[in-house]
Each structure stands twice: as structure tokens, then as C-alpha cells.
Amino acid sequence: PGNPTGAVMPLEKLQQAILLADKYDFIIACDECYSEVYLEPTAPPPGLLQACHEMGRLDFSRCVVFHSLSKRSNVPGLRSGFIAGDQHLIQRFLRYRTYHGCSMSLPNQKASAAAWSDEQHTIENRALYRHKFDTVTSILSPHLNFPTPEASFYLWAETPIDDRLFAQKLYAQQNVTVLPGRFLSRHYDNVNPGQHRVRMALVADADECVEAAWRIVQFVVSLTR
């Protein structure tokens, strides 16, 4: 899923990218750390290696994926992840990792193994996110426009004023932090696709997210007075 929109790339688009990689000789490195944070329980997002498999591309040529416990298990500080895909690319990555990486401590390794081995907490995690999305969007939707994401834990909301000013004033008046959309993109041809949007991360407890949502509503209403 994409950050910050939560959009999911369809399987057909992934397969099209693979064909383009063959045609133009490039590598696809796919960051799939949000892949287990999706809202529809029966519709997990497709992955790059799945696209390869359905094409009969069982050597995963030109394709590697990266995954981590960061979003899956809400432990970004653990720094535990893996790479999978094209074995020739992985051999080259292993050499890079050997010289530029560092080993995890044994306690962190054991904690990582426990988290990777357990699926129940990811199911419960998704249920918590669904509840937060349902509650927060019902509060915000009468006042702000935003797409309903297919996955991730972000809302990508339009702002009635400049996104930087929106974030500054919201923090000053309501002590709620959001990220100005322009900070997540670049100006191109005098256009920044993140302008007049902010990213809201629903990562706090449900009660705190609801409180923040009501404060955002109060702030947005105050802009029209």
C-alpha cells in the first residue's frame, strides 16, 4: 500500500511493471512493510512476488521485496526485516549488508522470531485499525474530504487552507500534529501533488484518535467563522 494515500497497486499493474523491467533492463525493489495493514479482512493487497508467481516467473528475476516488523507488529524500534526474491540480487544485497549493516542483539533476535512466528496479533491489529478508521472517518467526513484507503493507517485529507498553515495552526490551537502533504512530495512543473493535503496517522489508541478527530473538527469549524 502506498504512503500516504493507502492506495493498493492492482496485480495487473505489478505484472505490467515486471514486463517493463524486462524491456528496459531495470530492477523492481518493492517496499511491502504496510502489506499486512489492510482494512478489508478478506482482501489482502497483492504483492510483487505473487505477481511473479502468477506469471510463471518462479525465479523472481529482477524483483525483490522488503518487509519488516515495523508496521506489521507496531515495533519500529526493533529494526527486524527481510528481503526475498531474485537470488542473484539477494547475493549482491548480502554483500552490501555485510559491510554496511550491524547484527541484532540476541534478545532482539528472539523477540523478532516470536513476532514473525505469530499471526494472531496481526489479525487483532487490523481489527483495531478498522475500528479506528470507522470511528474517526465518521467524525471527520462531514468537515474534510479524503479518500477511503484500502490499506495502511493513514488518512490523506484535503485542507481548506495551505497545508503548512493548517498543520501549524492545528498544533498551536488544538495540540494535534499532522504532516503537511507537500513535505511528502516534490514540486514538478510548478505543481506539488501534496499541496492542500495533510497526512493523519491513526496509530494512537482509539480514544486518543477520537479525541484528536473532534479537536480537528473544532479547528476546521473555526476557520469558517
Foldseek 3Di string as FASTA:
>chain_A
DDPPQLAADALVVLLVVVVVCVVVVAADEAECAFQLFFQDPVDGGDDNVNSCVVVVNNLQPRYKYKYACCNQVVCVVLPDIDMDGHVVVVVVVVVVCVVPHDDHDPVSVVVRVVSVVDDVSSVVVNVQLNVLCVLLCVLCVVQWDFDDRRGDQKTKTFAPDWQVVLQVVLCVPPVDHWAQQQVVFDQDPNDRVRTRITIDGPPDGSVVSNSSSVSSVVVSVVVVD
